[in-house]
Amino acid sequence: MKQIFASLLIAACAFPASAIPTFDEVRKDFRPSDTQILSREGEVLQRLRQDASVRRGQWVPLADVSPALRQA
């Protein structure tokens, strides 16, 4: 019984570590939940929700995030 438990514990610890995606993989596979309609000049005219079940905004550089939010 102890051997089965030990082998299951080792397997449980080994598999999740390899399943965690890298930051670059997450960013590459990211799809926002809305589509932007742009003017000829590139200005946003409207945003249309493509997936109403989730809300995923655009990536924002850390430099653009408020220092108060980063410390929270």
C-alpha atoms as a PDB file:
ATOM      1  CA  MET A   1       0.000   0.000   0.000  1.00  0.00           C
ATOM      2  CA  LYS A   2       2.829   2.396   0.857  1.00  0.00           C
ATOM      3  CA  GLN A   3       4.552   1.679  -2.460  1.00  0.00           C
ATOM      4  CA  ILE A   4       1.387   2.490  -4.410  1.00  0.00           C
ATOM      5  CA  PHE A   5       0.905   5.710  -2.472  1.00  0.00           C
ATOM      6  CA  ALA A   6       4.554   6.694  -2.965  1.00  0.00           C
ATOM      7  CA  SER A   7       4.448   6.015  -6.707  1.00  0.00           C
ATOM      8  CA  LEU A   8       1.199   7.988  -7.080  1.00  0.00           C
ATOM      9  CA  LEU A   9       2.696  10.876  -5.127  1.00  0.00           C
ATOM     10  CA  ILE A  10       5.812  10.922  -7.309  1.00  0.00           C
ATOM     11  CA  ALA A  11       3.716  10.782 -10.482  1.00  0.00           C
ATOM     12  CA  ALA A  12       1.436  13.571  -9.242  1.00  0.00           C
ATOM     13  CA  CYS A  13       4.424  15.798  -8.515  1.00  0.00           C
ATOM     14  CA  ALA A  14       6.191  15.096 -11.816  1.00  0.00           C
ATOM     15  CA  PHE A  15       3.378  15.639 -14.336  1.00  0.00           C
ATOM     16  CA  PRO A  16       2.006  19.063 -13.317  1.00  0.00           C
ATOM     17  CA  ALA A  17       5.468  20.643 -13.398  1.00  0.00           C
ATOM     18  CA  SER A  18       5.887  19.766 -17.064  1.00  0.00           C
ATOM     19  CA  ALA A  19       2.337  20.871 -17.912  1.00  0.00           C
ATOM     20  CA  ILE A  20       2.801  24.525 -16.877  1.00  0.00           C
ATOM     21  CA  PRO A  21       3.139  26.683 -20.015  1.00  0.00           C
ATOM     22  CA  THR A  22       5.805  29.358 -20.289  1.00  0.00           C
ATOM     23  CA  PHE A  23       4.959  33.066 -20.366  1.00  0.00           C
ATOM     24  CA  ASP A  24       5.758  33.231 -24.098  1.00  0.00           C
ATOM     25  CA  GLU A  25       3.409  30.302 -24.834  1.00  0.00           C
ATOM     26  CA  VAL A  26       0.580  31.918 -22.888  1.00  0.00           C
ATOM     27  CA  ARG A  27       1.070  35.257 -24.621  1.00  0.00           C
ATOM     28  CA  LYS A  28       1.284  33.640 -28.082  1.00  0.00           C
ATOM     29  CA  ASP A  29      -1.947  31.659 -27.589  1.00  0.00           C
ATOM     30  CA  PHE A  30      -3.879  34.602 -26.094  1.00  0.00           C
ATOM     31  CA  ARG A  31      -7.054  35.684 -27.903  1.00  0.00           C
ATOM     32  CA  PRO A  32      -9.011  38.733 -26.675  1.00  0.00           C
ATOM     33  CA  SER A  33     -12.752  38.331 -26.162  1.00  0.00           C
ATOM     34  CA  ASP A  34     -13.606  41.317 -28.340  1.00  0.00           C
ATOM     35  CA  THR A  35     -12.775  42.604 -31.820  1.00  0.00           C
ATOM     36  CA  GLN A  36     -11.917  46.213 -32.516  1.00  0.00           C
ATOM     37  CA  ILE A  37     -13.464  48.009 -35.485  1.00  0.00           C
ATOM     38  CA  LEU A  38     -10.955  50.599 -36.707  1.00  0.00           C
ATOM     39  CA  SER A  39     -11.293  53.695 -38.873  1.00  0.00           C
ATOM     40  CA  ARG A  40      -9.035  54.318 -41.863  1.00  0.00           C
ATOM     41  CA  GLU A  41      -6.774  56.304 -39.561  1.00  0.00           C
ATOM     42  CA  GLY A  42      -6.478  53.396 -37.122  1.00  0.00           C
ATOM     43  CA  GLU A  43      -8.717  54.862 -34.403  1.00  0.00           C
ATOM     44  CA  VAL A  44     -11.027  52.496 -32.522  1.00  0.00           C
ATOM     45  CA  LEU A  45     -14.634  53.075 -33.595  1.00  0.00           C
ATOM     46  CA  GLN A  46     -16.281  50.185 -31.784  1.00  0.00           C
ATOM     47  CA  ARG A  47     -15.563  46.969 -29.913  1.00  0.00           C
ATOM     48  CA  LEU A  48     -17.641  43.859 -30.552  1.00  0.00           C
ATOM     49  CA  ARG A  49     -17.738  41.003 -28.046  1.00  0.00           C
ATOM     50  CA  GLN A  50     -16.921  37.715 -29.754  1.00  0.00           C
ATOM     51  CA  ASP A  51     -17.137  35.529 -26.655  1.00  0.00           C
ATOM     52  CA  ALA A  52     -19.775  36.560 -24.109  1.00  0.00           C
ATOM     53  CA  SER A  53     -18.789  33.831 -21.630  1.00  0.00           C
ATOM     54  CA  VAL A  54     -15.443  35.455 -20.699  1.00  0.00           C
ATOM     55  CA  ARG A  55     -13.850  38.887 -20.610  1.00  0.00           C
ATOM     56  CA  ARG A  56     -10.223  39.029 -21.775  1.00  0.00           C
ATOM     57  CA  GLY A  57      -8.721  42.435 -22.482  1.00  0.00           C
ATOM     58  CA  GLN A  58      -5.552  43.374 -24.328  1.00  0.00           C
ATOM     59  CA  TRP A  59      -2.103  42.810 -22.833  1.00  0.00           C
ATOM     60  CA  VAL A  60      -0.776  45.916 -21.081  1.00  0.00           C
ATOM     61  CA  PRO A  61       2.951  46.575 -20.551  1.00  0.00           C
ATOM     62  CA  LEU A  62       3.944  46.623 -16.886  1.00  0.00           C
ATOM     63  CA  ALA A  63       5.214  50.193 -17.295  1.00  0.00           C
ATOM     64  CA  ASP A  64       1.632  51.270 -18.130  1.00  0.00           C
ATOM     65  CA  VAL A  65       0.187  49.719 -14.956  1.00  0.00           C
ATOM     66  CA  SER A  66      -0.331  52.072 -12.014  1.00  0.00           C
ATOM     67  CA  PRO A  67       2.309  51.718  -9.260  1.00  0.00           C
ATOM     68  CA  ALA A  68      -0.517  51.529  -6.703  1.00  0.00           C
ATOM     69  CA  LEU A  69      -1.984  48.507  -8.498  1.00  0.00           C
ATOM     70  CA  ARG A  70       1.415  46.800  -8.701  1.00  0.00           C
ATOM     71  CA  GLN A  71       1.888  47.186  -4.941  1.00  0.00           C
ATOM     72  CA  ALA A  72      -1.634  46.012  -4.050  1.00  0.00           C
END
